[in-house]
Protein backbone atom coordinates (compact mmCIF):
# COMPACT_ATOMS: atom_id res chain seq x y z
CA MET A 1 -50.39 143.48 -56.21
CA GLN A 2 -54.11 142.08 -55.84
CA ILE A 3 -54.04 138.34 -57.47
CA ARG A 4 -56.91 137.52 -59.09
CA HIS A 5 -58.00 134.10 -58.87
CA LEU A 6 -59.91 132.45 -61.78
CA GLN A 7 -63.38 130.90 -60.77
CA GLU A 8 -65.33 128.52 -62.98
CA THR A 9 -68.07 131.05 -64.15
CA ASP A 10 -65.21 133.39 -65.48
CA THR A 11 -64.79 132.88 -69.31
CA GLY A 12 -60.99 132.66 -69.08
CA TYR A 13 -61.61 129.31 -67.05
CA LYS A 14 -63.04 127.65 -69.91
CA VAL A 15 -60.52 128.81 -72.12
CA PHE A 16 -58.02 127.36 -70.09
CA LEU A 17 -60.02 124.28 -69.82
CA TYR A 18 -60.19 123.93 -73.44
CA ILE A 19 -56.82 124.42 -74.09
CA PHE A 20 -56.06 121.92 -71.40
CA TYR A 21 -58.31 119.51 -73.36
CA GLY A 22 -56.51 120.07 -76.20
CA CYS A 23 -53.16 119.54 -74.89
CA ALA A 24 -54.33 116.31 -73.19
CA PHE A 25 -55.48 115.19 -76.41
CA ILE A 26 -52.14 116.09 -78.33
CA MET A 27 -49.97 114.02 -75.30
CA THR A 28 -52.34 111.60 -75.46
CA SER A 29 -52.04 110.96 -79.46
CA ILE A 30 -48.45 111.47 -79.00
CA ALA A 31 -48.16 108.80 -76.29
CA ALA A 32 -49.95 106.34 -78.28
CA TYR A 33 -47.75 106.77 -81.24
CA GLY A 34 -44.99 106.48 -79.54
CA ILE A 35 -45.86 103.22 -78.12
CA TYR A 36 -47.40 101.45 -80.90
CA ALA A 37 -44.02 102.46 -83.13
CA MET A 38 -42.00 100.92 -80.38
CA PHE A 39 -44.02 98.06 -80.58
CA THR A 40 -43.68 97.88 -84.26
CA GLU A 41 -39.80 98.39 -83.87
CA TRP A 42 -39.70 95.52 -81.11
CA GLU A 43 -41.28 93.03 -83.04
CA LYS A 44 -39.51 93.51 -86.07
CA THR A 45 -35.83 94.15 -84.67
CA GLY A 46 -36.13 92.76 -81.23
CA THR A 47 -34.79 95.96 -79.89
CA TYR A 48 -36.01 99.20 -79.90
CA VAL A 49 -34.74 103.47 -78.87
CA MET A 50 -37.15 104.90 -76.66
CA GLY A 51 -38.19 108.38 -78.10
CA GLU A 52 -36.61 107.88 -81.95
CA ALA A 53 -39.73 107.73 -83.32
CA LEU A 54 -41.03 110.70 -82.14
CA VAL A 55 -37.79 112.80 -82.90
CA LYS A 56 -37.93 111.37 -86.46
CA THR A 57 -41.32 111.94 -87.54
CA GLU A 58 -42.53 115.62 -88.62
CA PHE A 59 -45.98 116.94 -87.91
CA PRO A 60 -48.52 118.14 -89.94
CA TYR A 61 -45.84 118.19 -92.78
CA LYS A 62 -42.36 117.56 -93.76
CA ASN A 63 -39.70 120.09 -92.04
CA PHE A 64 -41.91 121.21 -89.46
CA ALA A 65 -42.30 120.79 -86.09
CA LYS A 66 -41.05 117.01 -84.71
CA LEU A 67 -43.56 114.78 -82.44
CA THR A 68 -40.93 115.51 -79.11
CA THR A 69 -41.55 119.18 -80.09
CA TRP A 70 -45.49 119.19 -80.00
CA LEU A 71 -44.82 116.89 -76.88
CA PHE A 72 -42.82 119.19 -74.89
CA PHE A 73 -45.28 122.38 -75.82
CA SER A 74 -48.52 120.75 -74.99
CA THR A 75 -47.02 118.89 -71.53
CA ILE A 76 -45.55 122.98 -70.52
CA VAL A 77 -48.84 124.67 -71.75
CA GLY A 78 -50.94 122.05 -70.20
CA TRP A 79 -49.44 122.24 -66.99
CA TYR A 80 -49.70 125.97 -66.69
CA CYS A 81 -53.93 125.51 -67.58
CA VAL A 82 -54.38 122.82 -64.65
CA THR A 83 -52.77 125.59 -62.46
CA ARG A 84 -55.26 127.95 -63.65
CA ILE A 85 -57.96 125.85 -63.29
CA GLY A 86 -56.80 123.69 -60.59
CA TRP A 87 -55.99 126.29 -58.03
CA LYS A 88 -59.02 125.52 -55.55
CA LYS A 89 -57.65 122.18 -54.93
CA THR A 90 -54.65 123.02 -53.26
CA THR A 91 -55.94 126.11 -51.18
CA ASN A 92 -56.59 123.46 -48.33
CA LEU A 93 -53.58 121.60 -48.32
CA ARG A 94 -51.89 122.46 -45.21
CA SER A 95 -48.96 121.68 -42.84
CA TRP A 96 -47.32 117.92 -43.29
CA LYS A 97 -48.88 117.51 -46.35
CA MET A 98 -47.72 120.86 -47.88
CA ALA A 99 -44.49 120.04 -46.86
CA LEU A 100 -44.45 116.57 -48.18
CA THR A 101 -45.77 117.86 -51.62
CA GLN A 102 -42.64 120.44 -51.89
CA LEU A 103 -40.04 118.14 -50.55
CA MET A 104 -41.49 115.73 -53.56
CA VAL A 105 -41.54 118.32 -55.89
CA LEU A 106 -37.59 120.04 -54.70
CA GLY A 107 -36.40 116.32 -55.60
CA PHE A 108 -38.23 115.77 -59.14
CA ALA A 109 -36.70 119.04 -59.99
CA ILE A 110 -33.38 118.44 -58.86
CA VAL A 111 -33.31 114.93 -60.67
CA CYS A 112 -34.62 116.18 -63.88
CA LEU A 113 -32.30 118.93 -63.72
CA TYR A 114 -29.53 116.58 -63.39
CA GLU A 115 -31.12 114.48 -66.16
CA VAL A 116 -31.42 117.61 -68.55
CA LEU A 117 -27.86 118.59 -68.13
CA TYR A 118 -26.40 115.20 -68.32
CA ASN A 119 -28.27 114.24 -71.38
CA PHE A 120 -27.63 117.64 -72.76
CA THR A 121 -23.66 116.71 -72.29
CA VAL A 122 -23.87 113.55 -73.69
CA LEU A 123 -25.55 114.93 -76.76
CA ASN A 124 -23.05 117.88 -77.29
CA ALA A 125 -20.03 115.54 -76.81
CA GLN A 126 -21.30 112.86 -79.25
CA ILE A 127 -22.07 115.81 -81.74
CA THR A 128 -18.79 117.43 -81.34
CA ALA A 129 -16.49 113.57 -81.71
CA GLY A 130 -18.79 113.08 -85.10
CA ILE A 131 -17.68 116.58 -86.44
CA ILE A 132 -13.87 116.20 -85.42
CA ASP A 133 -14.14 113.28 -88.22
CA ASN A 134 -15.31 116.03 -90.58
CA ARG A 135 -18.60 114.97 -90.73
CA VAL A 136 -22.02 115.99 -89.07
CA PRO A 137 -23.81 113.61 -87.54
CA ASP A 138 -27.22 112.93 -87.55
CA ILE A 139 -28.22 114.36 -84.35
CA ASP A 140 -31.83 112.70 -84.78
CA SER A 141 -30.14 109.36 -84.40
CA LEU A 142 -28.08 109.78 -81.15
CA THR A 143 -28.37 107.63 -78.41
CA ILE A 144 -27.32 106.93 -75.39
CA ALA A 145 -27.04 103.22 -73.56
CA TYR A 146 -28.65 104.26 -70.38
CA PRO A 147 -30.20 103.03 -67.79
CA ASP A 148 -30.62 100.07 -69.76
CA PRO A 149 -28.06 99.15 -72.38
CA SER A 150 -30.58 96.78 -74.38
CA ARG A 151 -33.15 100.07 -74.60
CA PRO A 152 -31.06 102.79 -75.19
CA TRP A 153 -32.54 106.16 -75.23
CA ASN A 154 -32.73 109.07 -78.26
CA LEU A 155 -31.09 112.00 -76.91
CA ILE A 156 -33.21 114.45 -78.04
CA PHE A 157 -36.35 113.05 -76.96
CA ALA A 158 -34.45 112.59 -73.22
CA THR A 159 -33.51 116.27 -73.34
CA LYS A 160 -36.80 117.68 -74.14
CA VAL A 161 -38.51 115.27 -71.89
CA PHE A 162 -36.82 116.02 -69.12
CA LEU A 163 -36.28 119.83 -69.52
CA ALA A 164 -40.15 120.00 -69.28
CA ALA A 165 -40.46 117.60 -66.38
CA PHE A 166 -37.77 120.26 -65.11
CA ILE A 167 -39.65 123.34 -65.93
CA ILE A 168 -43.16 122.15 -64.46
CA SER A 169 -41.49 120.38 -61.44
CA SER A 170 -40.04 124.07 -60.54
CA HIS A 171 -43.25 125.78 -61.31
CA ALA A 172 -44.84 123.60 -59.01
CA LEU A 173 -42.39 124.02 -56.16
CA TYR A 174 -42.40 127.79 -56.74
CA LEU A 175 -46.43 127.71 -56.52
CA SER A 176 -46.21 125.64 -53.67
CA THR A 177 -44.23 128.15 -51.52
CA ARG A 178 -46.29 131.25 -52.47
CA PRO A 179 -48.53 132.19 -49.26
CA ARG A 180 -51.71 130.66 -49.27
CA LYS A 181 -55.13 131.72 -48.44
CA ASP A 182 -58.28 130.35 -47.03
CA LEU A 183 -61.44 129.83 -49.76
CA ARG A 184 -63.33 131.93 -47.19
CA GLU A 185 -60.92 134.59 -47.41
CA LEU A 186 -60.91 134.64 -51.13
CA ASP A 187 -64.62 134.90 -51.27
CA ALA A 188 -64.95 137.74 -49.06
């Protein structure tokens, strides 16, 4: 199977580039809103729940996708666009640099997988504990006081963020282990 690499002159390149810019805008906007909401909550109450504002905010209208879903979507799509438009930057990465990159990405994937499983397990346990009392808990408000008890994380936010990081790092590991050609070979 012949793999065709995207070139700057291809129309598809511009499509991926513009979609990446759109994803970057979405991620930046959501991060800015999240930071603003966190500082506002910190000033009012002296505490905050990491990611809670993003889980509870629906966009563009009520009962549509939450900001965490938009963040999850845009990070994965943005990453894919980066791998399609930035592939030339990695063609000359060889030997010890590639080995260190692969080990770093593998470690990141392992940590992210652990965090996804941990957060998902705690989320399920809290949902089950709430249902035992014959009431369904507000899933969007479930938190975990980890790693710092004074700054808990929203479990939906933590699960989605670490799942996106796991998908991206696993894809990066996959791409880094594929056979590489030199740019001179690709132009021939």
